[in-house]
Amino acid sequence: MSSNFQIRKVAVLGAGVMGAQIAAHLVNANVPTILFDLPAKEGAANGIVNKALEGLKKLDPSPLASPNKLQYISAANYGQNLELLRGCDLVIEAIAERMDWKSDLYHKVAPFIGADAIFATNTSGLSINKLAEAFPENLRHRFCGIHFFNPPRYMHLVELIPCAGTDAPLLDQLEAFLVSTLGKGVVRAKDTPNFIANRIGVFSMLATVYHAQRLNLGFDVVDALTGRYLGRPKSATFRTLDVVGLDTFAHVVNTMRENLTEDPWHSFFAVPEWLSGLIAQGALGQKSKRGVYQKVGKEIQVLDLGTQSYRVADGKADDSVKEILRERDWSVKLGKLRASSDPQAQFVWCVFRDVFHYCGVQLDSIANNARDLDLAVRWGFGWDSGPFEIWQAAGWQQVAGWINEDIAAGKTMSKAPLPAWVTESSRAGVHNAQGSYAPADKSYQGRSKLSVYSRQAYPERLLGETVHFGETVFENESIRMWHTGDDIAILSFKSKMHTVDNDVLDGILRAVDEAEAHFSALVLWQTEPPFSAGANLLQLMQGMQEAPAESGMLGKLKGAVNRVKYTAAGGGGMGDLFNAATGNVPKVEAVVAKFQQVSQRLKYAQVPTIAAVDGLALGGGCEFTIHCARIVATLETYIGLVEVGVGLIPAGAGCKEMAQRAAAEARGGDIFPFLKRYFQQIAMGEVAKSAEMARDMGYLRSADRIVLNRFELLHVAKAEARAMNATAYRPPLPQNQIAVAGRPGIATFQASMVNMLEGGFISEHDYKVGCAVADTLCGGDVDAGSMVDEQWLLDLERKHFMALLATDKTQARIEHMLKNGKPLRN
């Protein structure tokens, strides 16, 4: 196999749920893909695949980063198109989890596999070595297992499993492709049933089911206990089962029961009667609209095992248990849970204990080291911390002692003793600066040395690993400028949700000055997502530091900021804050002007400014982004000018920039068709649901880059900066001749909004805000085709921002957003 092996085209065999979505994510990464399935018995031969492709358009969240990506998936069938496989460098089989079906397919396609192609089976738990036996012996060195998690676009984990004969270089090349091209977190798994993530994650669910039934806790109570309080997804346990599919969960459990007969916990590998009953009724969870939960009208109902019927899902955690779960120190938290007599507290402790016990006993047989197990569970099941990380944070020896006491007392699900390596007196945990513990080698293994990981300066770190974010240039409470020993400066925000306050504005201005004086480029990059939730409105309006920390313009629009509790001086309400703010209009307007100044400074800096964006970039965060010389964004970047949600318009130069881009796109022709897109996006507060869609919407330009692995974002941003400097970078020249649509454009936009107002689609205040957007984008009260400069547009957007801010309805919208985390329609 060539050392310069390239995966240019991929074939996916099987157009079911997983196969179609794997194909979608491949084209998200610009990898042309052929999707195969059986020839249809009626109609077009590719009917099965075509139906699957149509289905991709309807899924929410979408498997496709942009609707136009669908055209890069070609439909094919096994009856007519097997010759197409010869042109594929990677073939991924993703048919149903049946050993006999997979074996039959392998015999059919093997003669058509290219001479150097990799053949990978996407299986959630079948033996890779047994599957390899069905593959021609002369091709087995190119056979391996590849386990994508569902949905493939959004789930970071991919488990990579070799068979006995897999070529090591082939596996390395496939890992590099998965990590860098597809943006995945790869964990090498051993060929054991259900591999790592499902083995541990499903055991955790089985332990949860067992202890919930033992302690007579309702499913909704369990979900109230096992979600965000434990650092896990909001869907917790039983809501997650509904999302995954009760039949899918049952299949994985059955795989464990059939193939893990020697496992000390084998007696628990069974599908509960109530779950089998739901499956028999066709109540499979979310896909059948009924499972553990169902929705009746607006009411969420949960299955009650006592009555065998559904009731309102209103179960809650006991106040005393909530108090324990809010404890940040894992040692204190687990100690209090263990000591409590409350059934809910005992439930949580028992689940943790049995999961720790299982991980300790099984680590050596299922994973290469403790890091692989923890990352697999984090990436595959959405836990904030892996099981070993939690155990270590709570005190390794203390928890090991508690587990041993419970084993001796017959309280654990299994009597299996903890392995000797667990209880070594010198052990403080399994993760440290040297690496993560590997029982087989009795050593701490460092991270992979594959060259692809040199692109990750700051990979996802585990408890016990240290990280040093370079050398500080300057720092305040909200911002830090630093470098890693080269000539590229990095600017990171420290504020809550990376919202923009006065310190951030001052910090960016200073950072640009510092970069021009001492560095070759400035990269805006956050050590953790999101990029920025927008402006800290209250603090900006008050012009003081003591504004509530969570008043960012983010939650802003889709409830992303938690409900904010705030009090005004003297116990007054939001009105007092607004009176204080708007009573000092010159001061407030000066802050808005500074916001505009920052955006312009980023645009016209003498060194390249690079926005390295991951996650949310809303409102002011979007405005900073679009003014940088280059954007490098992860695929999962959600960008938009969303200020209308709080009754305002973008006033950090966002409207100005969109008007300017529309004029440039018109190339001297009619500007209105180009302006219409930007007006709709701003007036509707539309957010791009991926970086690809942000490009479609005009937020990203053709020269901007999209990165699929967020851990490579800083590497690519720095590379872009170097490339720009290699061509003697100069900032753009200020535009003093910007064509605008003027009065006719404003009138056209207003006419369309009048129709919406009369139809009841928008409120009178929506109309007022929309008119302000229209007036700004069209350049105000001037003739069509008039030429204005940037400052003219900046003054317009600032004027409208201040006018809207003074209205009662905008103030009510902001107050509602701060209190409830969602927009008010008034």
Foldseek 3Di string as FASTA:
>chain_A
DDPPDDFQAEEEEALPPASVLVCQLCLLLVRQYEYEYAQDPDDGGQVVNVVSLVVQVPDPVHSHLDVVSSVSYHTDYLVPPLLVQQPGQEYEYEHDPDLVVLLVVQVSNQVNHHPNHAYEYADQFDFQQSSLVSHPPVCLLRYWYWHAFPPNLPFQEIETEHHPNHDPSNSLVVVLCCCFSSQHDYAYKYRHGSFFQCVLVLVLLLLLVVLCVVLVHFPLQQLQQQDVLQQFHNCGHVLVQLVVWLVVSQVSLVSCLVRVVVPLLNVSSHDDPLSVVCVVVVQTHPVSQHHQWHQDPNFIWGQRPVVRHTDGSDHHHDPVLSVLSNDPQLLSSLVCLVPDPPSSSVSVNQSLLQSLQSCQVCVQPIHQFPVSNFVSNCSNRVGPTGSQLSCLSNWQQVSLVVSQVCLVVVNHSGVDHGDPLSNDPVDSGQQAQQAGAGVVVRDHDHDDPSPSCVLQQDPDDHPHHDDDPAAWPDDDQFKTWHDHPAQEIEIETDADQSADAPVNLVVLVVVLVCSLVGGQEYEYDYPDDASHQYHLPLCLLLVDDPDFRQLGCHLPAVNPTDAADDADPPRDDLVVSLCNRLVPVVSSLVSLVSLLVSLQCQQQRFHFYEYLGEAEQEQSSLSNHLSGPAYEYEFQYKYAHQLVLLLAFRQSLPLLVQLQVLQVVCVPHQSLVSSVLVLCRRLVSHISRTVVSCCVSPSHDPPYHYTHHSSSRVSVRVVVSVVCVVVVHGRDDFDFFGFFQAPVQLVVQLVVVVVCCVVVNADPSSSVNSSLSSCLSRQHHDHGRGTGGSVSSSVSSSVRRSVSSPDPSSSVQSSCCNRRSHGDGD
